[in-house]
Amino acid sequence: MLVGVMLLVAPALAADESNLAARAVTWETEYNADNLEALAAMYTEDGCRLPPNMEAVQGRAAIAGQVQAGKEAGAAQVKVTVTEAESIGDMAYGRGTYELTGADGSHIDHGKWINVSKRVNGEWKIHCDSWNSNMPVPGSTPQ
């Protein structure tokens, strides 16, 4: 009976060895400080981003450029929240929410994100992430 109880509890106790919560705080801090090279270094060499409504971006230099373009478009600050994270061996995944604000504190966007990370030479790196808005597309009818 004890084994049965342990099997039922095990998924609820799943650990996140990758410590995505701490890495998300670092990602947010680097973004908000305009330290985009340090932010890009959080990705694997061949890391990718899957931004909404545009082509995939691959590689650290392209990631830094894509983030810079977002900041230039007005997304000055971000708040990242982790709602779920789990690691399995050298792979991990996580998901959460984000809020973007302009330099004047105005609300720009909010939505959800997901990422896949992997351990490279003992260090956890983001391998690929994706996000999309909870806000309706301008000109569309909300459902």
Protein backbone atom coordinates (compact mmCIF):
# COMPACT_ATOMS: atom_id res chain seq x y z
CA MET A 1 0.00 0.00 0.00
CA LEU A 2 2.86 2.41 0.80
CA VAL A 3 4.27 1.88 -2.72
CA GLY A 4 0.86 2.77 -4.19
CA VAL A 5 0.70 5.98 -2.18
CA MET A 6 4.26 6.86 -3.22
CA LEU A 7 3.37 6.38 -6.90
CA LEU A 8 0.38 8.68 -6.55
CA VAL A 9 2.42 11.38 -4.81
CA ALA A 10 5.53 11.19 -7.05
CA PRO A 11 4.18 13.33 -9.92
CA ALA A 12 3.10 16.05 -7.48
CA LEU A 13 6.64 16.13 -6.08
CA ALA A 14 8.34 16.37 -9.48
CA ALA A 15 11.44 18.48 -9.06
CA ASP A 16 12.81 21.11 -11.34
CA GLU A 17 16.54 20.51 -11.19
CA SER A 18 16.99 23.22 -13.82
CA ASN A 19 15.70 25.88 -11.38
CA LEU A 20 13.65 27.61 -14.04
CA ALA A 21 12.20 30.02 -11.47
CA ALA A 22 15.65 31.48 -10.75
CA ARG A 23 16.58 31.49 -14.44
CA ALA A 24 13.34 33.35 -15.24
CA VAL A 25 14.26 36.03 -12.70
CA THR A 26 17.68 36.36 -14.37
CA TRP A 27 16.08 36.55 -17.84
CA GLU A 28 13.70 39.28 -16.65
CA THR A 29 16.53 41.19 -14.93
CA GLU A 30 18.78 41.11 -18.01
CA TYR A 31 15.92 42.17 -20.31
CA ASN A 32 14.90 45.05 -18.07
CA ALA A 33 18.54 46.19 -17.75
CA ASP A 34 18.99 46.13 -21.57
CA ASN A 35 21.76 43.56 -21.12
CA LEU A 36 20.79 41.64 -24.24
CA GLU A 37 24.13 39.88 -24.77
CA ALA A 38 23.84 38.34 -21.28
CA LEU A 39 20.24 37.43 -22.04
CA ALA A 40 21.24 35.75 -25.32
CA ALA A 41 23.99 33.85 -23.46
CA MET A 42 21.22 32.15 -21.47
CA TYR A 43 20.34 30.21 -24.67
CA THR A 44 22.15 27.27 -26.19
CA GLU A 45 24.48 28.16 -29.10
CA ASP A 46 21.82 26.93 -31.54
CA GLY A 47 18.92 28.12 -29.39
CA CYS A 48 15.72 29.38 -30.95
CA ARG A 49 12.82 31.69 -30.30
CA LEU A 50 9.43 31.26 -31.91
CA PRO A 51 7.93 34.76 -31.84
CA PRO A 52 4.29 35.27 -32.79
CA ASN A 53 3.53 36.40 -36.33
CA MET A 54 7.10 36.10 -37.61
CA GLU A 55 9.74 33.57 -38.63
CA ALA A 56 11.68 31.54 -36.07
CA VAL A 57 14.93 33.06 -34.84
CA GLN A 58 17.94 30.79 -34.30
CA GLY A 59 21.34 31.37 -32.69
CA ARG A 60 22.43 33.74 -29.95
CA ALA A 61 23.16 36.74 -32.21
CA ALA A 62 19.75 36.45 -33.88
CA ILE A 63 18.07 36.08 -30.48
CA ALA A 64 19.75 39.26 -29.20
CA GLY A 65 18.66 41.06 -32.38
CA GLN A 66 15.07 39.85 -32.09
CA VAL A 67 14.87 40.95 -28.44
CA GLN A 68 16.41 44.32 -29.34
CA ALA A 69 13.79 44.82 -32.06
CA GLY A 70 11.05 44.13 -29.51
CA LYS A 71 12.52 46.69 -27.14
CA GLU A 72 12.80 49.24 -29.96
CA ALA A 73 9.12 48.61 -30.75
CA GLY A 74 8.29 49.85 -27.24
CA ALA A 75 8.45 46.80 -24.95
CA ALA A 76 10.72 48.43 -22.37
CA GLN A 77 10.08 46.19 -19.35
CA VAL A 78 8.89 42.64 -18.81
CA LYS A 79 7.51 40.76 -15.81
CA VAL A 80 7.88 36.98 -16.11
CA THR A 81 6.02 34.49 -13.92
CA VAL A 82 6.67 30.73 -13.87
CA THR A 83 3.55 28.61 -13.38
CA GLU A 84 5.01 25.16 -14.06
CA ALA A 85 8.46 23.66 -14.46
CA GLU A 86 9.92 20.18 -14.45
CA SER A 87 13.21 18.60 -15.42
CA ILE A 88 13.80 15.08 -16.63
CA GLY A 89 17.45 14.14 -16.98
CA ASP A 90 19.19 16.78 -19.10
CA MET A 91 15.96 18.27 -20.43
CA ALA A 92 13.46 20.60 -18.78
CA TYR A 93 10.34 22.47 -19.71
CA GLY A 94 8.47 25.33 -18.19
CA ARG A 95 5.59 27.62 -18.83
CA GLY A 96 4.17 30.78 -17.39
CA THR A 97 2.90 34.25 -18.08
CA TYR A 98 4.40 37.58 -19.06
CA GLU A 99 3.48 41.26 -18.95
CA LEU A 100 5.12 43.92 -21.12
CA THR A 101 5.12 47.62 -20.29
CA GLY A 102 6.40 50.68 -22.06
CA ALA A 103 9.03 53.07 -20.74
CA ASP A 104 6.21 55.21 -19.29
CA GLY A 105 4.72 52.19 -17.47
CA SER A 106 1.84 51.79 -19.93
CA HIS A 107 0.51 48.28 -20.55
CA ILE A 108 1.65 46.90 -23.91
CA ASP A 109 0.90 43.19 -23.82
CA HIS A 110 0.32 40.17 -21.61
CA GLY A 111 0.18 36.49 -22.41
CA LYS A 112 1.75 33.09 -21.90
CA TRP A 113 5.06 31.43 -22.75
CA ILE A 114 6.66 28.00 -22.84
CA ASN A 115 10.30 26.98 -23.02
CA VAL A 116 12.42 23.90 -23.38
CA SER A 117 15.81 23.94 -21.69
CA LYS A 118 18.70 21.53 -21.67
CA ARG A 119 21.81 20.97 -19.64
CA VAL A 120 24.96 21.78 -21.63
CA ASN A 121 28.31 21.07 -20.00
CA GLY A 122 26.63 21.06 -16.58
CA GLU A 123 24.82 24.39 -17.10
CA TRP A 124 21.11 24.82 -17.86
CA LYS A 125 20.40 26.81 -21.03
CA ILE A 126 17.18 27.72 -22.81
CA HIS A 127 17.05 25.71 -26.01
CA CYS A 128 13.86 27.17 -27.45
CA ASP A 129 11.04 29.38 -26.26
CA SER A 130 7.75 30.60 -27.62
CA TRP A 131 5.09 33.01 -26.45
CA ASN A 132 1.81 34.53 -27.56
CA SER A 133 -0.49 37.27 -26.44
CA ASN A 134 -3.75 36.96 -24.56
CA MET A 135 -4.88 40.21 -26.20
CA PRO A 136 -7.01 40.16 -29.36
CA VAL A 137 -5.28 40.87 -32.66
CA PRO A 138 -5.96 44.50 -33.57
CA GLY A 139 -9.00 44.68 -35.87
CA SER A 140 -10.25 41.21 -34.92
CA THR A 141 -13.41 40.36 -33.05
CA PRO A 142 -12.69 38.76 -29.66
CA GLN A 143 -14.27 35.34 -29.22
